[in-house]
Amino acid sequence: MFLQYLAFESPSLDLDVTLFIQTGIFVLLLLFLRAFVLRPYFEAYEARESLTTGAREEANALVAKADALVAEYESTRQSVYADLESKRKTAVEKATAKATEKLELVRQNVMTESQARLSDLDAQLATLRRQMDGEIASISDQIVEKILV
């Protein structure tokens, strides 16, 4: 037989019953694997994929809803903060104006009271000077009298 290969002769291929038996075994094995292994595997794969796809779509929908809620929250928060800031500025301006008004009123009262007290002090000073002038004249007369006497 080895000599046949060396002589480059083609080997003879006989078609016999074993070819048909092997083909039958292959077809039976293919049908068995298809029925009991491949079909359940692909059904399970498709079921899992459909469950996963549904969960993915639901997760994507929830993420989109969460993003929309976050955007709405941010928008609302910014508008509320802007509103609060304008109210705070208005309140500060009103308080500053009221404080300035009260301060001016207190200044006017203090100026009026200080001017009134100053004029009272001037009047007292004038009265005391008149009294002192009278007393100075009388004391100087008494001193002159004591010195001369």
C-alpha atoms as a PDB file:
ATOM      1  CA  MET A   1       0.000   0.000   0.000  1.00  0.00           C
ATOM      2  CA  PHE A   2       2.821   2.349   0.733  1.00  0.00           C
ATOM      3  CA  LEU A   3       4.128   1.524  -2.665  1.00  0.00           C
ATOM      4  CA  GLN A   4       0.870   2.678  -4.132  1.00  0.00           C
ATOM      5  CA  TYR A   5       1.426   6.158  -2.722  1.00  0.00           C
ATOM      6  CA  LEU A   6       4.922   6.185  -4.011  1.00  0.00           C
ATOM      7  CA  ALA A   7       3.755   5.260  -7.409  1.00  0.00           C
ATOM      8  CA  PHE A   8       1.335   8.163  -7.334  1.00  0.00           C
ATOM      9  CA  GLU A   9      -1.588   6.003  -7.954  1.00  0.00           C
ATOM     10  CA  SER A  10      -4.888   7.228  -6.705  1.00  0.00           C
ATOM     11  CA  PRO A  11      -6.398   5.150  -3.992  1.00  0.00           C
ATOM     12  CA  SER A  12      -9.698   3.601  -4.707  1.00  0.00           C
ATOM     13  CA  LEU A  13     -12.682   4.990  -2.880  1.00  0.00           C
ATOM     14  CA  ASP A  14     -15.399   2.533  -2.588  1.00  0.00           C
ATOM     15  CA  LEU A  15     -18.817   3.626  -1.624  1.00  0.00           C
ATOM     16  CA  ASP A  16     -20.123   1.088   0.747  1.00  0.00           C
ATOM     17  CA  VAL A  17     -22.711   0.841   3.496  1.00  0.00           C
ATOM     18  CA  THR A  18     -20.541   2.515   6.120  1.00  0.00           C
ATOM     19  CA  LEU A  19     -20.886   5.855   4.377  1.00  0.00           C
ATOM     20  CA  PHE A  20     -24.650   5.656   4.605  1.00  0.00           C
ATOM     21  CA  ILE A  21     -24.491   4.513   8.244  1.00  0.00           C
ATOM     22  CA  GLN A  22     -22.179   7.385   9.154  1.00  0.00           C
ATOM     23  CA  THR A  23     -24.405   9.858   7.320  1.00  0.00           C
ATOM     24  CA  GLY A  24     -27.414   8.467   9.169  1.00  0.00           C
ATOM     25  CA  ILE A  25     -25.626   8.729  12.519  1.00  0.00           C
ATOM     26  CA  PHE A  26     -24.646  12.317  11.702  1.00  0.00           C
ATOM     27  CA  VAL A  27     -28.231  13.253  10.746  1.00  0.00           C
ATOM     28  CA  LEU A  28     -29.646  11.519  13.869  1.00  0.00           C
ATOM     29  CA  LEU A  29     -27.067  13.244  16.084  1.00  0.00           C
ATOM     30  CA  LEU A  30     -27.809  16.573  14.415  1.00  0.00           C
ATOM     31  CA  LEU A  31     -31.566  16.144  14.946  1.00  0.00           C
ATOM     32  CA  PHE A  32     -31.038  15.038  18.566  1.00  0.00           C
ATOM     33  CA  LEU A  33     -28.730  17.982  19.344  1.00  0.00           C
ATOM     34  CA  ARG A  34     -31.031  20.374  17.578  1.00  0.00           C
ATOM     35  CA  ALA A  35     -34.095  19.127  19.483  1.00  0.00           C
ATOM     36  CA  PHE A  36     -32.583  18.728  22.943  1.00  0.00           C
ATOM     37  CA  VAL A  37     -29.627  21.123  23.083  1.00  0.00           C
ATOM     38  CA  LEU A  38     -29.678  23.861  20.466  1.00  0.00           C
ATOM     39  CA  ARG A  39     -33.398  24.712  20.465  1.00  0.00           C
ATOM     40  CA  PRO A  40     -33.652  25.029  24.326  1.00  0.00           C
ATOM     41  CA  TYR A  41     -30.412  26.993  24.379  1.00  0.00           C
ATOM     42  CA  PHE A  42     -31.601  29.478  21.767  1.00  0.00           C
ATOM     43  CA  GLU A  43     -35.053  29.730  23.384  1.00  0.00           C
ATOM     44  CA  ALA A  44     -33.439  30.474  26.748  1.00  0.00           C
ATOM     45  CA  TYR A  45     -31.078  32.938  25.083  1.00  0.00           C
ATOM     46  CA  GLU A  46     -33.952  34.766  23.366  1.00  0.00           C
ATOM     47  CA  ALA A  47     -36.030  34.792  26.568  1.00  0.00           C
ATOM     48  CA  ARG A  48     -33.114  36.154  28.546  1.00  0.00           C
ATOM     49  CA  GLU A  49     -32.423  38.730  25.852  1.00  0.00           C
ATOM     50  CA  SER A  50     -36.066  39.821  25.799  1.00  0.00           C
ATOM     51  CA  LEU A  51     -36.071  40.111  29.608  1.00  0.00           C
ATOM     52  CA  THR A  52     -32.804  41.993  29.540  1.00  0.00           C
ATOM     53  CA  THR A  53     -34.011  44.219  26.711  1.00  0.00           C
ATOM     54  CA  GLY A  54     -37.185  45.014  28.630  1.00  0.00           C
ATOM     55  CA  ALA A  55     -35.175  45.759  31.752  1.00  0.00           C
ATOM     56  CA  ARG A  56     -32.748  47.881  29.730  1.00  0.00           C
ATOM     57  CA  GLU A  57     -35.567  49.824  28.133  1.00  0.00           C
ATOM     58  CA  GLU A  58     -37.197  50.297  31.538  1.00  0.00           C
ATOM     59  CA  ALA A  59     -33.862  51.375  33.016  1.00  0.00           C
ATOM     60  CA  ASN A  60     -33.294  53.804  30.140  1.00  0.00           C
ATOM     61  CA  ALA A  61     -36.813  55.182  30.607  1.00  0.00           C
ATOM     62  CA  LEU A  62     -36.187  55.601  34.345  1.00  0.00           C
ATOM     63  CA  VAL A  63     -32.849  57.297  33.681  1.00  0.00           C
ATOM     64  CA  ALA A  64     -34.514  59.667  31.214  1.00  0.00           C
ATOM     65  CA  LYS A  65     -37.278  60.370  33.753  1.00  0.00           C
ATOM     66  CA  ALA A  66     -34.683  60.972  36.477  1.00  0.00           C
ATOM     67  CA  ASP A  67     -32.752  63.314  34.174  1.00  0.00           C
ATOM     68  CA  ALA A  68     -35.965  65.212  33.422  1.00  0.00           C
ATOM     69  CA  LEU A  69     -36.746  65.469  37.137  1.00  0.00           C
ATOM     70  CA  VAL A  70     -33.210  66.680  37.875  1.00  0.00           C
ATOM     71  CA  ALA A  71     -33.496  69.301  35.137  1.00  0.00           C
ATOM     72  CA  GLU A  72     -36.902  70.382  36.474  1.00  0.00           C
ATOM     73  CA  TYR A  73     -35.483  70.524  40.010  1.00  0.00           C
ATOM     74  CA  GLU A  74     -32.523  72.616  38.871  1.00  0.00           C
ATOM     75  CA  SER A  75     -34.805  74.965  36.965  1.00  0.00           C
ATOM     76  CA  THR A  76     -37.162  75.317  39.912  1.00  0.00           C
ATOM     77  CA  ARG A  77     -34.258  75.733  42.338  1.00  0.00           C
ATOM     78  CA  GLN A  78     -32.709  78.464  40.224  1.00  0.00           C
ATOM     79  CA  SER A  79     -36.006  80.336  39.877  1.00  0.00           C
ATOM     80  CA  VAL A  80     -36.674  80.030  43.623  1.00  0.00           C
ATOM     81  CA  TYR A  81     -33.153  81.228  44.435  1.00  0.00           C
ATOM     82  CA  ALA A  82     -33.534  84.143  42.024  1.00  0.00           C
ATOM     83  CA  ASP A  83     -36.896  85.029  43.584  1.00  0.00           C
ATOM     84  CA  LEU A  84     -35.438  84.772  47.096  1.00  0.00           C
ATOM     85  CA  GLU A  85     -32.444  86.868  46.091  1.00  0.00           C
ATOM     86  CA  SER A  86     -34.678  89.614  44.685  1.00  0.00           C
ATOM     87  CA  LYS A  87     -36.808  89.524  47.844  1.00  0.00           C
ATOM     88  CA  ARG A  88     -33.669  89.669  49.983  1.00  0.00           C
ATOM     89  CA  LYS A  89     -32.360  92.647  48.010  1.00  0.00           C
ATOM     90  CA  THR A  90     -35.726  94.390  48.340  1.00  0.00           C
ATOM     91  CA  ALA A  91     -35.788  93.711  52.085  1.00  0.00           C
ATOM     92  CA  VAL A  92     -32.210  94.959  52.474  1.00  0.00           C
ATOM     93  CA  GLU A  93     -32.999  98.119  50.503  1.00  0.00           C
ATOM     94  CA  LYS A  94     -36.123  98.749  52.603  1.00  0.00           C
ATOM     95  CA  ALA A  95     -34.214  98.120  55.829  1.00  0.00           C
ATOM     96  CA  THR A  96     -31.385 100.390  54.692  1.00  0.00           C
ATOM     97  CA  ALA A  97     -33.839 103.144  53.748  1.00  0.00           C
ATOM     98  CA  LYS A  98     -35.679 102.758  57.050  1.00  0.00           C
ATOM     99  CA  ALA A  99     -32.393 102.781  58.992  1.00  0.00           C
ATOM    100  CA  THR A 100     -31.237 105.871  57.091  1.00  0.00           C
ATOM    101  CA  GLU A 101     -34.563 107.570  57.785  1.00  0.00           C
ATOM    102  CA  LYS A 102     -34.372 106.722  61.496  1.00  0.00           C
ATOM    103  CA  LEU A 103     -30.755 107.825  61.637  1.00  0.00           C
ATOM    104  CA  GLU A 104     -31.651 111.147  60.035  1.00  0.00           C
ATOM    105  CA  LEU A 105     -34.535 111.580  62.468  1.00  0.00           C
ATOM    106  CA  VAL A 106     -32.229 110.833  65.419  1.00  0.00           C
ATOM    107  CA  ARG A 107     -29.652 113.287  64.035  1.00  0.00           C
ATOM    108  CA  GLN A 108     -32.299 115.972  63.766  1.00  0.00           C
ATOM    109  CA  ASN A 109     -33.508 115.258  67.315  1.00  0.00           C
ATOM    110  CA  VAL A 110     -29.955 115.297  68.648  1.00  0.00           C
ATOM    111  CA  MET A 111     -29.198 118.563  66.812  1.00  0.00           C
ATOM    112  CA  THR A 112     -32.423 120.150  68.099  1.00  0.00           C
ATOM    113  CA  GLU A 113     -31.792 118.960  71.644  1.00  0.00           C
ATOM    114  CA  SER A 114     -28.128 119.984  71.557  1.00  0.00           C
ATOM    115  CA  GLN A 115     -29.040 123.429  70.204  1.00  0.00           C
ATOM    116  CA  ALA A 116     -31.698 123.786  72.918  1.00  0.00           C
ATOM    117  CA  ARG A 117     -29.197 122.773  75.610  1.00  0.00           C
ATOM    118  CA  LEU A 118     -26.570 125.068  74.116  1.00  0.00           C
ATOM    119  CA  SER A 119     -28.971 128.008  74.210  1.00  0.00           C
ATOM    120  CA  ASP A 120     -29.896 127.047  77.818  1.00  0.00           C
ATOM    121  CA  LEU A 121     -26.195 126.982  78.662  1.00  0.00           C
ATOM    122  CA  ASP A 122     -25.697 130.348  76.946  1.00  0.00           C
ATOM    123  CA  ALA A 123     -28.611 131.778  78.942  1.00  0.00           C
ATOM    124  CA  GLN A 124     -27.201 130.359  82.182  1.00  0.00           C
ATOM    125  CA  LEU A 125     -23.775 131.732  81.311  1.00  0.00           C
ATOM    126  CA  ALA A 126     -25.239 135.190  80.659  1.00  0.00           C
ATOM    127  CA  THR A 127     -27.145 135.039  83.932  1.00  0.00           C
ATOM    128  CA  LEU A 128     -24.048 133.940  85.838  1.00  0.00           C
ATOM    129  CA  ARG A 129     -21.960 136.689  84.215  1.00  0.00           C
ATOM    130  CA  ARG A 130     -24.507 139.294  85.250  1.00  0.00           C
ATOM    131  CA  GLN A 131     -24.507 137.917  88.771  1.00  0.00           C
ATOM    132  CA  MET A 132     -20.715 137.831  88.805  1.00  0.00           C
ATOM    133  CA  ASP A 133     -20.510 141.389  87.493  1.00  0.00           C
ATOM    134  CA  GLY A 134     -22.714 142.542  90.362  1.00  0.00           C
ATOM    135  CA  GLU A 135     -20.819 140.499  92.893  1.00  0.00           C
ATOM    136  CA  ILE A 136     -17.427 141.544  91.478  1.00  0.00           C
ATOM    137  CA  ALA A 137     -18.347 145.176  91.957  1.00  0.00           C
ATOM    138  CA  SER A 138     -19.490 144.562  95.520  1.00  0.00           C
ATOM    139  CA  ILE A 139     -16.447 142.386  96.373  1.00  0.00           C
ATOM    140  CA  SER A 140     -14.049 144.905  94.851  1.00  0.00           C
ATOM    141  CA  ASP A 141     -15.718 147.649  96.951  1.00  0.00           C
ATOM    142  CA  GLN A 142     -15.279 145.510 100.038  1.00  0.00           C
ATOM    143  CA  ILE A 143     -11.604 144.815  99.197  1.00  0.00           C
ATOM    144  CA  VAL A 144     -10.923 148.503  98.619  1.00  0.00           C
ATOM    145  CA  GLU A 145     -12.625 149.318 101.899  1.00  0.00           C
ATOM    146  CA  LYS A 146     -10.588 146.799 103.825  1.00  0.00           C
ATOM    147  CA  ILE A 147      -7.381 147.917 102.271  1.00  0.00           C
ATOM    148  CA  LEU A 148      -8.043 151.566 102.933  1.00  0.00           C
ATOM    149  CA  VAL A 149      -9.324 151.099 106.343  1.00  0.00           C
END
